Amino acid sequence: MLILADYFFHFVHLGVIGFNLFGWVHPVTRRAHRYLVALTATCWLGVGLAVGAIGYCPLTDWHWQVKRALGQDILPRSYIDYILQAAGIYAQPLTVDIVVGVTFALIVVITLALWWRDARA
């Protein structure tokens, strides 16, 4: 069951990341994208401040609980860092966090600009 949960969290994680990156592209998905971007920002900033870790992701927290139950004890702080390491890319965690943060900020700007433009149309 834990292995299925591990695959489930990989699937959900990659889906959330992909939709956060590209959900703004098609007009049909923009409303759902706005909600997901807002939820992501709320977790990273709002919940993150509450738990003392800016960038907190409940998906990563739950996923890491599953991985620890599977015997994997050495895990990076972020899922993006985990995926990069799995691909053989070892970057400084701070660098990964900065790139992810800047990318997300750009997506927020794009999302807000499209929302404003679409509302005027």
PDB file of N, CA and C in Angstrom:
ATOM      1  N   MET A   1       0.821  -1.205   0.000  1.00  0.00           N
ATOM      2  CA  MET A   1       0.000   0.000   0.000  1.00  0.00           C
ATOM      3  C   MET A   1       0.869   1.276   0.000  1.00  0.00           C
ATOM      4  N   LEU A   2       1.980   1.215   0.739  1.00  0.00           N
ATOM      5  CA  LEU A   2       2.867   2.381   0.785  1.00  0.00           C
ATOM      6  C   LEU A   2       3.477   2.678  -0.577  1.00  0.00           C
ATOM      7  N   ILE A   3       3.786   1.637  -1.325  1.00  0.00           N
ATOM      8  CA  ILE A   3       4.353   1.844  -2.669  1.00  0.00           C
ATOM      9  C   ILE A   3       3.330   2.523  -3.567  1.00  0.00           C
ATOM     10  N   LEU A   4       2.068   2.130  -3.462  1.00  0.00           N
ATOM     11  CA  LEU A   4       1.007   2.801  -4.228  1.00  0.00           C
ATOM     12  C   LEU A   4       0.880   4.257  -3.811  1.00  0.00           C
ATOM     13  N   ALA A   5       0.975   4.517  -2.513  1.00  0.00           N
ATOM     14  CA  ALA A   5       0.906   5.896  -2.018  1.00  0.00           C
ATOM     15  C   ALA A   5       2.078   6.710  -2.559  1.00  0.00           C
ATOM     16  N   ASP A   6       3.263   6.098  -2.623  1.00  0.00           N
ATOM     17  CA  ASP A   6       4.436   6.773  -3.165  1.00  0.00           C
ATOM     18  C   ASP A   6       4.197   7.159  -4.627  1.00  0.00           C
ATOM     19  N   TYR A   7       3.703   6.223  -5.420  1.00  0.00           N
ATOM     20  CA  TYR A   7       3.392   6.518  -6.832  1.00  0.00           C
ATOM     21  C   TYR A   7       2.299   7.582  -6.940  1.00  0.00           C
ATOM     22  N   PHE A   8       1.299   7.481  -6.089  1.00  0.00           N
ATOM     23  CA  PHE A   8       0.217   8.471  -6.084  1.00  0.00           C
ATOM     24  C   PHE A   8       0.774   9.876  -5.849  1.00  0.00           C
ATOM     25  N   PHE A   9       1.625  10.014  -4.832  1.00  0.00           N
ATOM     26  CA  PHE A   9       2.173  11.342  -4.534  1.00  0.00           C
ATOM     27  C   PHE A   9       3.092  11.839  -5.642  1.00  0.00           C
ATOM     28  N   HIS A  10       3.848  10.941  -6.297  1.00  0.00           N
ATOM     29  CA  HIS A  10       4.632  11.368  -7.458  1.00  0.00           C
ATOM     30  C   HIS A  10       3.705  11.912  -8.545  1.00  0.00           C
ATOM     31  N   PHE A  11       2.653  11.165  -8.841  1.00  0.00           N
ATOM     32  CA  PHE A  11       1.694  11.567  -9.868  1.00  0.00           C
ATOM     33  C   PHE A  11       1.068  12.922  -9.534  1.00  0.00           C
ATOM     34  N   VAL A  12       0.597  13.082  -8.312  1.00  0.00           N
ATOM     35  CA  VAL A  12      -0.044  14.341  -7.902  1.00  0.00           C
ATOM     36  C   VAL A  12       0.969  15.481  -7.913  1.00  0.00           C
ATOM     37  N   HIS A  13       2.157  15.235  -7.350  1.00  0.00           N
ATOM     38  CA  HIS A  13       3.194  16.272  -7.339  1.00  0.00           C
ATOM     39  C   HIS A  13       3.502  16.766  -8.746  1.00  0.00           C
ATOM     40  N   LEU A  14       3.776  15.816  -9.645  1.00  0.00           N
ATOM     41  CA  LEU A  14       4.126  16.203 -11.012  1.00  0.00           C
ATOM     42  C   LEU A  14       2.956  16.897 -11.705  1.00  0.00           C
ATOM     43  N   GLY A  15       1.746  16.469 -11.415  1.00  0.00           N
ATOM     44  CA  GLY A  15       0.560  17.121 -11.980  1.00  0.00           C
ATOM     45  C   GLY A  15       0.413  18.556 -11.486  1.00  0.00           C
ATOM     46  N   VAL A  16       0.597  18.761 -10.190  1.00  0.00           N
ATOM     47  CA  VAL A  16       0.495  20.112  -9.616  1.00  0.00           C
ATOM     48  C   VAL A  16       1.588  21.009 -10.197  1.00  0.00           C
ATOM     49  N   ILE A  17       2.803  20.500 -10.258  1.00  0.00           N
ATOM     50  CA  ILE A  17       3.914  21.297 -10.806  1.00  0.00           C
ATOM     51  C   ILE A  17       3.636  21.641 -12.266  1.00  0.00           C
ATOM     52  N   GLY A  18       3.256  20.649 -13.053  1.00  0.00           N
ATOM     53  CA  GLY A  18       2.972  20.888 -14.465  1.00  0.00           C
ATOM     54  C   GLY A  18       1.835  21.875 -14.672  1.00  0.00           C
ATOM     55  N   PHE A  19       0.767  21.722 -13.887  1.00  0.00           N
ATOM     56  CA  PHE A  19      -0.368  22.627 -14.054  1.00  0.00           C
ATOM     57  C   PHE A  19      -0.028  24.028 -13.566  1.00  0.00           C
ATOM     58  N   ASN A  20       0.766  24.138 -12.490  1.00  0.00           N
ATOM     59  CA  ASN A  20       1.216  25.462 -12.057  1.00  0.00           C
ATOM     60  C   ASN A  20       2.055  26.130 -13.143  1.00  0.00           C
ATOM     61  N   LEU A  21       2.881  25.339 -13.838  1.00  0.00           N
ATOM     62  CA  LEU A  21       3.743  25.908 -14.875  1.00  0.00           C
ATOM     63  C   LEU A  21       2.980  26.284 -16.140  1.00  0.00           C
ATOM     64  N   PHE A  22       2.009  25.445 -16.550  1.00  0.00           N
ATOM     65  CA  PHE A  22       1.422  25.612 -17.877  1.00  0.00           C
ATOM     66  C   PHE A  22      -0.098  25.751 -17.914  1.00  0.00           C
ATOM     67  N   GLY A  23      -0.754  25.730 -16.777  1.00  0.00           N
ATOM     68  CA  GLY A  23      -2.207  25.813 -16.765  1.00  0.00           C
ATOM     69  C   GLY A  23      -2.753  27.142 -17.265  1.00  0.00           C
ATOM     70  N   TRP A  24      -1.930  28.161 -17.290  1.00  0.00           N
ATOM     71  CA  TRP A  24      -2.356  29.482 -17.746  1.00  0.00           C
ATOM     72  C   TRP A  24      -2.427  29.569 -19.268  1.00  0.00           C
ATOM     73  N   VAL A  25      -1.818  28.611 -19.968  1.00  0.00           N
ATOM     74  CA  VAL A  25      -1.679  28.710 -21.422  1.00  0.00           C
ATOM     75  C   VAL A  25      -3.029  28.661 -22.133  1.00  0.00           C
ATOM     76  N   HIS A  26      -3.881  27.728 -21.772  1.00  0.00           N
ATOM     77  CA  HIS A  26      -5.169  27.570 -22.467  1.00  0.00           C
ATOM     78  C   HIS A  26      -6.275  28.299 -21.706  1.00  0.00           C
ATOM     79  N   PRO A  27      -7.071  29.101 -22.392  1.00  0.00           N
ATOM     80  CA  PRO A  27      -8.132  29.856 -21.720  1.00  0.00           C
ATOM     81  C   PRO A  27      -9.105  28.985 -20.909  1.00  0.00           C
ATOM     82  N   VAL A  28      -9.339  27.771 -21.338  1.00  0.00           N
ATOM     83  CA  VAL A  28     -10.280  26.890 -20.635  1.00  0.00           C
ATOM     84  C   VAL A  28      -9.774  26.505 -19.244  1.00  0.00           C
ATOM     85  N   THR A  29      -8.458  26.421 -19.080  1.00  0.00           N
ATOM     86  CA  THR A  29      -7.906  25.973 -17.795  1.00  0.00           C
ATOM     87  C   THR A  29      -7.485  27.125 -16.874  1.00  0.00           C
ATOM     88  N   ARG A  30      -7.637  28.356 -17.313  1.00  0.00           N
ATOM     89  CA  ARG A  30      -7.115  29.491 -16.539  1.00  0.00           C
ATOM     90  C   ARG A  30      -7.782  29.664 -15.178  1.00  0.00           C
ATOM     91  N   ARG A  31      -9.087  29.447 -15.089  1.00  0.00           N
ATOM     92  CA  ARG A  31      -9.759  29.609 -13.789  1.00  0.00           C
ATOM     93  C   ARG A  31      -9.217  28.574 -12.791  1.00  0.00           C
ATOM     94  N   ALA A  32      -9.147  27.309 -13.195  1.00  0.00           N
ATOM     95  CA  ALA A  32      -8.607  26.264 -12.315  1.00  0.00           C
ATOM     96  C   ALA A  32      -7.148  26.568 -11.969  1.00  0.00           C
ATOM     97  N   HIS A  33      -6.420  27.091 -12.938  1.00  0.00           N
ATOM     98  CA  HIS A  33      -5.017  27.454 -12.701  1.00  0.00           C
ATOM     99  C   HIS A  33      -4.904  28.537 -11.642  1.00  0.00           C
ATOM    100  N   ARG A  34      -5.761  29.549 -11.732  1.00  0.00           N
ATOM    101  CA  ARG A  34      -5.743  30.620 -10.715  1.00  0.00           C
ATOM    102  C   ARG A  34      -5.960  30.041  -9.323  1.00  0.00           C
ATOM    103  N   TYR A  35      -6.911  29.119  -9.195  1.00  0.00           N
ATOM    104  CA  TYR A  35      -7.189  28.501  -7.895  1.00  0.00           C
ATOM    105  C   TYR A  35      -5.978  27.714  -7.389  1.00  0.00           C
ATOM    106  N   LEU A  36      -5.348  26.966  -8.287  1.00  0.00           N
ATOM    107  CA  LEU A  36      -4.191  26.175  -7.870  1.00  0.00           C
ATOM    108  C   LEU A  36      -3.020  27.075  -7.493  1.00  0.00           C
ATOM    109  N   VAL A  37      -2.804  28.136  -8.241  1.00  0.00           N
ATOM    110  CA  VAL A  37      -1.728  29.081  -7.916  1.00  0.00           C
ATOM    111  C   VAL A  37      -2.010  29.730  -6.558  1.00  0.00           C
ATOM    112  N   ALA A  38      -3.254  30.098  -6.314  1.00  0.00           N
ATOM    113  CA  ALA A  38      -3.620  30.689  -5.022  1.00  0.00           C
ATOM    114  C   ALA A  38      -3.408  29.682  -3.887  1.00  0.00           C
ATOM    115  N   LEU A  39      -3.797  28.433  -4.115  1.00  0.00           N
ATOM    116  CA  LEU A  39      -3.605  27.396  -3.098  1.00  0.00           C
ATOM    117  C   LEU A  39      -2.119  27.156  -2.838  1.00  0.00           C
ATOM    118  N   THR A  40      -1.334  27.111  -3.896  1.00  0.00           N
ATOM    119  CA  THR A  40       0.108  26.917  -3.752  1.00  0.00           C
ATOM    120  C   THR A  40       0.722  28.071  -2.958  1.00  0.00           C
ATOM    121  N   ALA A  41       0.366  29.298  -3.309  1.00  0.00           N
ATOM    122  CA  ALA A  41       0.897  30.466  -2.601  1.00  0.00           C
ATOM    123  C   ALA A  41       0.466  30.456  -1.136  1.00  0.00           C
ATOM    124  N   THR A  42      -0.776  30.061  -0.877  1.00  0.00           N
ATOM    125  CA  THR A  42      -1.270  29.992   0.500  1.00  0.00           C
ATOM    126  C   THR A  42      -0.474  28.983   1.316  1.00  0.00           C
ATOM    127  N   CYS A  43      -0.204  27.829   0.719  1.00  0.00           N
ATOM    128  CA  CYS A  43       0.595  26.813   1.424  1.00  0.00           C
ATOM    129  C   CYS A  43       2.012  27.297   1.642  1.00  0.00           C
ATOM    130  N   TRP A  44       2.647  27.794   0.596  1.00  0.00           N
ATOM    131  CA  TRP A  44       4.043  28.200   0.688  1.00  0.00           C
ATOM    132  C   TRP A  44       4.247  29.366   1.646  1.00  0.00           C
ATOM    133  N   LEU A  45       3.320  30.322   1.620  1.00  0.00           N
ATOM    134  CA  LEU A  45       3.496  31.520   2.437  1.00  0.00           C
ATOM    135  C   LEU A  45       2.679  31.470   3.721  1.00  0.00           C
ATOM    136  N   GLY A  46       1.369  31.300   3.593  1.00  0.00           N
ATOM    137  CA  GLY A  46       0.499  31.315   4.775  1.00  0.00           C
ATOM    138  C   GLY A  46       0.771  30.168   5.725  1.00  0.00           C
ATOM    139  N   VAL A  47       0.622  28.950   5.243  1.00  0.00           N
ATOM    140  CA  VAL A  47       0.867  27.778   6.089  1.00  0.00           C
ATOM    141  C   VAL A  47       2.356  27.712   6.435  1.00  0.00           C
ATOM    142  N   GLY A  48       3.185  28.076   5.472  1.00  0.00           N
ATOM    143  CA  GLY A  48       4.626  28.081   5.712  1.00  0.00           C
ATOM    144  C   GLY A  48       5.022  28.956   6.892  1.00  0.00           C
ATOM    145  N   LEU A  49       4.438  30.140   6.974  1.00  0.00           N
ATOM    146  CA  LEU A  49       4.723  31.014   8.114  1.00  0.00           C
ATOM    147  C   LEU A  49       4.218  30.393   9.413  1.00  0.00           C
ATOM    148  N   ALA A  50       3.068  29.747   9.357  1.00  0.00           N
ATOM    149  CA  ALA A  50       2.485  29.142  10.554  1.00  0.00           C
ATOM    150  C   ALA A  50       3.328  27.983  11.086  1.00  0.00           C
ATOM    151  N   VAL A  51       3.911  27.196  10.180  1.00  0.00           N
ATOM    152  CA  VAL A  51       4.718  26.048  10.619  1.00  0.00           C
ATOM    153  C   VAL A  51       6.204  26.386  10.709  1.00  0.00           C
ATOM    154  N   GLY A  52       6.569  27.608  10.338  1.00  0.00           N
ATOM    155  CA  GLY A  52       7.957  28.039  10.457  1.00  0.00           C
ATOM    156  C   GLY A  52       8.850  27.631   9.304  1.00  0.00           C
ATOM    157  N   ALA A  53       8.251  27.402   8.134  1.00  0.00           N
ATOM    158  CA  ALA A  53       9.053  27.004   6.975  1.00  0.00           C
ATOM    159  C   ALA A  53       8.437  27.589   5.715  1.00  0.00           C
ATOM    160  N   ILE A  54       8.917  28.766   5.304  1.00  0.00           N
ATOM    161  CA  ILE A  54       8.432  29.358   4.067  1.00  0.00           C
ATOM    162  C   ILE A  54       8.666  28.348   2.946  1.00  0.00           C
ATOM    163  N   GLY A  55       7.675  28.178   2.100  1.00  0.00           N
ATOM    164  CA  GLY A  55       7.784  27.200   1.029  1.00  0.00           C
ATOM    165  C   GLY A  55       7.234  25.842   1.425  1.00  0.00           C
ATOM    166  N   TYR A  56       6.567  25.787   2.580  1.00  0.00           N
ATOM    167  CA  TYR A  56       6.004  24.521   3.053  1.00  0.00           C
ATOM    168  C   TYR A  56       4.993  23.982   2.053  1.00  0.00           C
ATOM    169  N   CYS A  57       5.110  22.694   1.750  1.00  0.00           N
ATOM    170  CA  CYS A  57       4.168  22.032   0.853  1.00  0.00           C
ATOM    171  C   CYS A  57       3.604  20.807   1.563  1.00  0.00           C
ATOM    172  N   PRO A  58       2.315  20.786   1.811  1.00  0.00           N
ATOM    173  CA  PRO A  58       1.742  19.611   2.481  1.00  0.00           C
ATOM    174  C   PRO A  58       1.926  18.337   1.670  1.00  0.00           C
ATOM    175  N   LEU A  59       1.902  18.437   0.344  1.00  0.00           N
ATOM    176  CA  LEU A  59       2.128  17.243  -0.476  1.00  0.00           C
ATOM    177  C   LEU A  59       3.509  16.642  -0.195  1.00  0.00           C
ATOM    178  N   THR A  60       4.512  17.499  -0.124  1.00  0.00           N
ATOM    179  CA  THR A  60       5.860  17.015   0.163  1.00  0.00           C
ATOM    180  C   THR A  60       5.915  16.412   1.563  1.00  0.00           C
ATOM    181  N   ASP A  61       5.294  17.067   2.512  1.00  0.00           N
ATOM    182  CA  ASP A  61       5.265  16.560   3.880  1.00  0.00           C
ATOM    183  C   ASP A  61       4.654  15.161   3.921  1.00  0.00           C
ATOM    184  N   TRP A  62       3.494  14.979   3.310  1.00  0.00           N
ATOM    185  CA  TRP A  62       2.828  13.671   3.298  1.00  0.00           C
ATOM    186  C   TRP A  62       3.641  12.648   2.508  1.00  0.00           C
ATOM    187  N   HIS A  63       4.188  13.091   1.381  1.00  0.00           N
ATOM    188  CA  HIS A  63       4.985  12.193   0.551  1.00  0.00           C
ATOM    189  C   HIS A  63       6.213  11.707   1.319  1.00  0.00           C
ATOM    190  N   TRP A  64       6.877  12.604   2.020  1.00  0.00           N
ATOM    191  CA  TRP A  64       8.068  12.229   2.781  1.00  0.00           C
ATOM    192  C   TRP A  64       7.706  11.288   3.924  1.00  0.00           C
ATOM    193  N   GLN A  65       6.516  11.443   4.502  1.00  0.00           N
ATOM    194  CA  GLN A  65       6.072  10.495   5.532  1.00  0.00           C
ATOM    195  C   GLN A  65       5.971   9.088   4.945  1.00  0.00           C
ATOM    196  N   VAL A  66       5.432   8.996   3.735  1.00  0.00           N
ATOM    197  CA  VAL A  66       5.329   7.698   3.056  1.00  0.00           C
ATOM    198  C   VAL A  66       6.726   7.151   2.767  1.00  0.00           C
ATOM    199  N   LYS A  67       7.599   7.997   2.239  1.00  0.00           N
ATOM    200  CA  LYS A  67       8.951   7.542   1.895  1.00  0.00           C
ATOM    201  C   LYS A  67       9.714   7.082   3.145  1.00  0.00           C
ATOM    202  N   ARG A  68       9.547   7.774   4.259  1.00  0.00           N
ATOM    203  CA  ARG A  68      10.211   7.348   5.502  1.00  0.00           C
ATOM    204  C   ARG A  68       9.667   5.999   5.965  1.00  0.00           C
ATOM    205  N   ALA A  69       8.358   5.803   5.816  1.00  0.00           N
ATOM    206  CA  ALA A  69       7.760   4.512   6.163  1.00  0.00           C
ATOM    207  C   ALA A  69       8.298   3.402   5.259  1.00  0.00           C
ATOM    208  N   LEU A  70       8.726   3.781   4.052  1.00  0.00           N
ATOM    209  CA  LEU A  70       9.324   2.817   3.114  1.00  0.00           C
ATOM    210  C   LEU A  70      10.822   2.626   3.375  1.00  0.00           C
ATOM    211  N   GLY A  71      11.356   3.347   4.369  1.00  0.00           N
ATOM    212  CA  GLY A  71      12.766   3.189   4.729  1.00  0.00           C
ATOM    213  C   GLY A  71      13.707   4.191   4.102  1.00  0.00           C
ATOM    214  N   GLN A  72      13.186   5.184   3.422  1.00  0.00           N
ATOM    215  CA  GLN A  72      14.030   6.214   2.815  1.00  0.00           C
ATOM    216  C   GLN A  72      14.160   7.374   3.798  1.00  0.00           C
ATOM    217  N   ASP A  73      15.318   7.481   4.418  1.00  0.00           N
ATOM    218  CA  ASP A  73      15.505   8.476   5.473  1.00  0.00           C
ATOM    219  C   ASP A  73      16.203   9.753   5.009  1.00  0.00           C
ATOM    220  N   ILE A  74      16.992   9.658   3.953  1.00  0.00           N
ATOM    221  CA  ILE A  74      17.736  10.830   3.503  1.00  0.00           C
ATOM    222  C   ILE A  74      16.979  11.459   2.341  1.00  0.00           C
ATOM    223  N   LEU A  75      16.214  12.498   2.662  1.00  0.00           N
ATOM    224  CA  LEU A  75      15.379  13.165   1.662  1.00  0.00           C
ATOM    225  C   LEU A  75      15.670  14.659   1.682  1.00  0.00           C
ATOM    226  N   PRO A  76      15.700  15.282   0.512  1.00  0.00           N
ATOM    227  CA  PRO A  76      15.894  16.738   0.481  1.00  0.00           C
ATOM    228  C   PRO A  76      14.655  17.446   1.032  1.00  0.00           C
ATOM    229  N   ARG A  77      14.795  18.728   1.259  1.00  0.00           N
ATOM    230  CA  ARG A  77      13.686  19.506   1.809  1.00  0.00           C
ATOM    231  C   ARG A  77      12.561  19.683   0.800  1.00  0.00           C
ATOM    232  N   SER A  78      12.886  19.767  -0.483  1.00  0.00           N
ATOM    233  CA  SER A  78      11.860  20.044  -1.488  1.00  0.00           C
ATOM    234  C   SER A  78      11.724  18.905  -2.489  1.00  0.00           C
ATOM    235  N   TYR A  79      10.541  18.782  -3.044  1.00  0.00           N
ATOM    236  CA  TYR A  79      10.279  17.759  -4.051  1.00  0.00           C
ATOM    237  C   TYR A  79      11.042  18.061  -5.338  1.00  0.00           C
ATOM    238  N   ILE A  80      11.141  19.321  -5.704  1.00  0.00           N
ATOM    239  CA  ILE A  80      11.889  19.692  -6.912  1.00  0.00           C
ATOM    240  C   ILE A  80      13.343  19.239  -6.772  1.00  0.00           C
ATOM    241  N   ASP A  81      13.928  19.481  -5.618  1.00  0.00           N
ATOM    242  CA  ASP A  81      15.300  19.040  -5.364  1.00  0.00           C
ATOM    243  C   ASP A  81      15.388  17.513  -5.476  1.00  0.00           C
ATOM    244  N   TYR A  82      14.397  16.816  -4.981  1.00  0.00           N
ATOM    245  CA  TYR A  82      14.347  15.352  -5.066  1.00  0.00           C
ATOM    246  C   TYR A  82      14.341  14.888  -6.521  1.00  0.00           C
ATOM    247  N   ILE A  83      13.503  15.509  -7.337  1.00  0.00           N
ATOM    248  CA  ILE A  83      13.402  15.149  -8.756  1.00  0.00           C
ATOM    249  C   ILE A  83      14.719  15.453  -9.479  1.00  0.00           C
ATOM    250  N   LEU A  84      15.308  16.595  -9.179  1.00  0.00           N
ATOM    251  CA  LEU A  84      16.590  16.939  -9.797  1.00  0.00           C
ATOM    252  C   LEU A  84      17.662  15.912  -9.439  1.00  0.00           C
ATOM    253  N   GLN A  85      17.721  15.537  -8.157  1.00  0.00           N
ATOM    254  CA  GLN A  85      18.707  14.549  -7.726  1.00  0.00           C
ATOM    255  C   GLN A  85      18.455  13.198  -8.400  1.00  0.00           C
ATOM    256  N   ALA A  86      17.184  12.825  -8.553  1.00  0.00           N
ATOM    257  CA  ALA A  86      16.853  11.570  -9.233  1.00  0.00           C
ATOM    258  C   ALA A  86      17.312  11.601 -10.686  1.00  0.00           C
ATOM    259  N   ALA A  87      17.369  12.808 -11.271  1.00  0.00           N
ATOM    260  CA  ALA A  87      17.829  12.967 -12.650  1.00  0.00           C
ATOM    261  C   ALA A  87      19.349  13.146 -12.721  1.00  0.00           C
ATOM    262  N   GLY A  88      20.020  13.076 -11.568  1.00  0.00           N
ATOM    263  CA  GLY A  88      21.471  13.221 -11.539  1.00  0.00           C
ATOM    264  C   GLY A  88      21.956  14.653 -11.482  1.00  0.00           C
ATOM    265  N   ILE A  89      21.058  15.575 -11.154  1.00  0.00           N
ATOM    266  CA  ILE A  89      21.411  16.994 -11.063  1.00  0.00           C
ATOM    267  C   ILE A  89      21.462  17.370  -9.590  1.00  0.00           C
ATOM    268  N   TYR A  90      22.639  17.747  -9.130  1.00  0.00           N
ATOM    269  CA  TYR A  90      22.819  18.104  -7.727  1.00  0.00           C
ATOM    270  C   TYR A  90      23.124  19.597  -7.649  1.00  0.00           C
ATOM    271  N   ALA A  91      22.151  20.353  -7.182  1.00  0.00           N
ATOM    272  CA  ALA A  91      22.299  21.802  -7.052  1.00  0.00           C
ATOM    273  C   ALA A  91      22.171  22.161  -5.574  1.00  0.00           C
ATOM    274  N   GLN A  92      22.662  23.317  -5.243  1.00  0.00           N
ATOM    275  CA  GLN A  92      22.507  23.794  -3.874  1.00  0.00           C
ATOM    276  C   GLN A  92      21.015  23.998  -3.591  1.00  0.00           C
ATOM    277  N   PRO A  93      20.537  23.533  -2.438  1.00  0.00           N
ATOM    278  CA  PRO A  93      19.108  23.695  -2.119  1.00  0.00           C
ATOM    279  C   PRO A  93      18.636  25.151  -2.205  1.00  0.00           C
ATOM    280  N   LEU A  94      19.480  26.084  -1.777  1.00  0.00           N
ATOM    281  CA  LEU A  94      19.101  27.497  -1.853  1.00  0.00           C
ATOM    282  C   LEU A  94      18.928  27.927  -3.305  1.00  0.00           C
ATOM    283  N   THR A  95      19.790  27.461  -4.184  1.00  0.00           N
ATOM    284  CA  THR A  95      19.675  27.781  -5.607  1.00  0.00           C
ATOM    285  C   THR A  95      18.375  27.240  -6.173  1.00  0.00           C
ATOM    286  N   VAL A  96      18.054  26.005  -5.818  1.00  0.00           N
ATOM    287  CA  VAL A  96      16.793  25.400  -6.271  1.00  0.00           C
ATOM    288  C   VAL A  96      15.617  26.225  -5.765  1.00  0.00           C
ATOM    289  N   ASP A  97      15.647  26.586  -4.489  1.00  0.00           N
ATOM    290  CA  ASP A  97      14.552  27.385  -3.913  1.00  0.00           C
ATOM    291  C   ASP A  97      14.404  28.732  -4.622  1.00  0.00           C
ATOM    292  N   ILE A  98      15.518  29.369  -4.941  1.00  0.00           N
ATOM    293  CA  ILE A  98      15.466  30.667  -5.613  1.00  0.00           C
ATOM    294  C   ILE A  98      14.878  30.520  -7.014  1.00  0.00           C
ATOM    295  N   VAL A  99      15.343  29.532  -7.763  1.00  0.00           N
ATOM    296  CA  VAL A  99      14.823  29.317  -9.121  1.00  0.00           C
ATOM    297  C   VAL A  99      13.333  28.998  -9.077  1.00  0.00           C
ATOM    298  N   VAL A 100      12.930  28.144  -8.155  1.00  0.00           N
ATOM    299  CA  VAL A 100      11.514  27.798  -8.022  1.00  0.00           C
ATOM    300  C   VAL A 100      10.706  29.035  -7.629  1.00  0.00           C
ATOM    301  N   GLY A 101      11.200  29.813  -6.676  1.00  0.00           N
ATOM    302  CA  GLY A 101      10.497  31.016  -6.234  1.00  0.00           C
ATOM    303  C   GLY A 101      10.348  32.056  -7.334  1.00  0.00           C
ATOM    304  N   VAL A 102      11.408  32.290  -8.073  1.00  0.00           N
ATOM    305  CA  VAL A 102      11.365  33.259  -9.179  1.00  0.00           C
ATOM    306  C   VAL A 102      10.419  32.767 -10.275  1.00  0.00           C
ATOM    307  N   THR A 103      10.493  31.485 -10.592  1.00  0.00           N
ATOM    308  CA  THR A 103       9.599  30.919 -11.604  1.00  0.00           C
ATOM    309  C   THR A 103       8.147  31.059 -11.171  1.00  0.00           C
ATOM    310  N   PHE A 104       7.869  30.745  -9.919  1.00  0.00           N
ATOM    311  CA  PHE A 104       6.503  30.862  -9.417  1.00  0.00           C
ATOM    312  C   PHE A 104       6.042  32.327  -9.437  1.00  0.00           C
ATOM    313  N   ALA A 105       6.920  33.243  -9.054  1.00  0.00           N
ATOM    314  CA  ALA A 105       6.564  34.666  -9.088  1.00  0.00           C
ATOM    315  C   ALA A 105       6.216  35.103 -10.510  1.00  0.00           C
ATOM    316  N   LEU A 106       6.983  34.645 -11.489  1.00  0.00           N
ATOM    317  CA  LEU A 106       6.678  34.969 -12.893  1.00  0.00           C
ATOM    318  C   LEU A 106       5.321  34.392 -13.305  1.00  0.00           C
ATOM    319  N   ILE A 107       5.036  33.187 -12.861  1.00  0.00           N
ATOM    320  CA  ILE A 107       3.744  32.571 -13.179  1.00  0.00           C
ATOM    321  C   ILE A 107       2.609  33.359 -12.537  1.00  0.00           C
ATOM    322  N   VAL A 108       2.815  33.831 -11.315  1.00  0.00           N
ATOM    323  CA  VAL A 108       1.796  34.660 -10.657  1.00  0.00           C
ATOM    324  C   VAL A 108       1.556  35.932 -11.468  1.00  0.00           C
ATOM    325  N   VAL A 109       2.625  36.572 -11.927  1.00  0.00           N
ATOM    326  CA  VAL A 109       2.486  37.790 -12.734  1.00  0.00           C
ATOM    327  C   VAL A 109       1.732  37.486 -14.026  1.00  0.00           C
ATOM    328  N   ILE A 110       2.099  36.418 -14.707  1.00  0.00           N
ATOM    329  CA  ILE A 110       1.410  36.029 -15.943  1.00  0.00           C
ATOM    330  C   ILE A 110      -0.064  35.758 -15.663  1.00  0.00           C
ATOM    331  N   THR A 111      -0.333  35.025 -14.598  1.00  0.00           N
ATOM    332  CA  THR A 111      -1.709  34.667 -14.239  1.00  0.00           C
ATOM    333  C   THR A 111      -2.539  35.909 -13.957  1.00  0.00           C
ATOM    334  N   LEU A 112      -1.990  36.823 -13.176  1.00  0.00           N
ATOM    335  CA  LEU A 112      -2.719  38.051 -12.856  1.00  0.00           C
ATOM    336  C   LEU A 112      -2.931  38.915 -14.102  1.00  0.00           C
ATOM    337  N   ALA A 113      -1.921  39.002 -14.953  1.00  0.00           N
ATOM    338  CA  ALA A 113      -2.044  39.798 -16.183  1.00  0.00           C
ATOM    339  C   ALA A 113      -3.123  39.220 -17.093  1.00  0.00           C
ATOM    340  N   LEU A 114      -3.135  37.899 -17.242  1.00  0.00           N
ATOM    341  CA  LEU A 114      -4.164  37.270 -18.079  1.00  0.00           C
ATOM    342  C   LEU A 114      -5.545  37.415 -17.463  1.00  0.00           C
ATOM    343  N   TRP A 115      -5.649  37.314 -16.157  1.00  0.00           N
ATOM    344  CA  TRP A 115      -6.932  37.482 -15.473  1.00  0.00           C
ATOM    345  C   TRP A 115      -7.460  38.893 -15.713  1.00  0.00           C
ATOM    346  N   TRP A 116      -6.584  39.876 -15.574  1.00  0.00           N
ATOM    347  CA  TRP A 116      -6.968  41.266 -15.790  1.00  0.00           C
ATOM    348  C   TRP A 116      -7.383  41.482 -17.252  1.00  0.00           C
ATOM    349  N   ARG A 117      -6.580  40.954 -18.183  1.00  0.00           N
ATOM    350  CA  ARG A 117      -6.884  41.104 -19.587  1.00  0.00           C
ATOM    351  C   ARG A 117      -8.200  40.415 -19.952  1.00  0.00           C
ATOM    352  N   ASP A 118      -8.389  39.188 -19.464  1.00  0.00           N
ATOM    353  CA  ASP A 118      -9.612  38.446 -19.772  1.00  0.00           C
ATOM    354  C   ASP A 118     -10.855  39.126 -19.169  1.00  0.00           C
ATOM    355  N   ALA A 119     -10.692  39.744 -18.010  1.00  0.00           N
ATOM    356  CA  ALA A 119     -11.816  40.440 -17.379  1.00  0.00           C
ATOM    357  C   ALA A 119     -12.226  41.677 -18.164  1.00  0.00           C
ATOM    358  N   ARG A 120     -11.291  42.277 -18.851  1.00  0.00           N
ATOM    359  CA  ARG A 120     -11.575  43.481 -19.650  1.00  0.00           C
ATOM    360  C   ARG A 120     -12.186  43.140 -20.993  1.00  0.00           C
ATOM    361  N   ALA A 121     -12.021  41.909 -21.437  1.00  0.00           N
ATOM    362  CA  ALA A 121     -12.501  41.514 -22.774  1.00  0.00           C
ATOM    363  C   ALA A 121     -14.002  41.301 -22.801  1.00  0.00           C
TER     364      ALA A 121
END
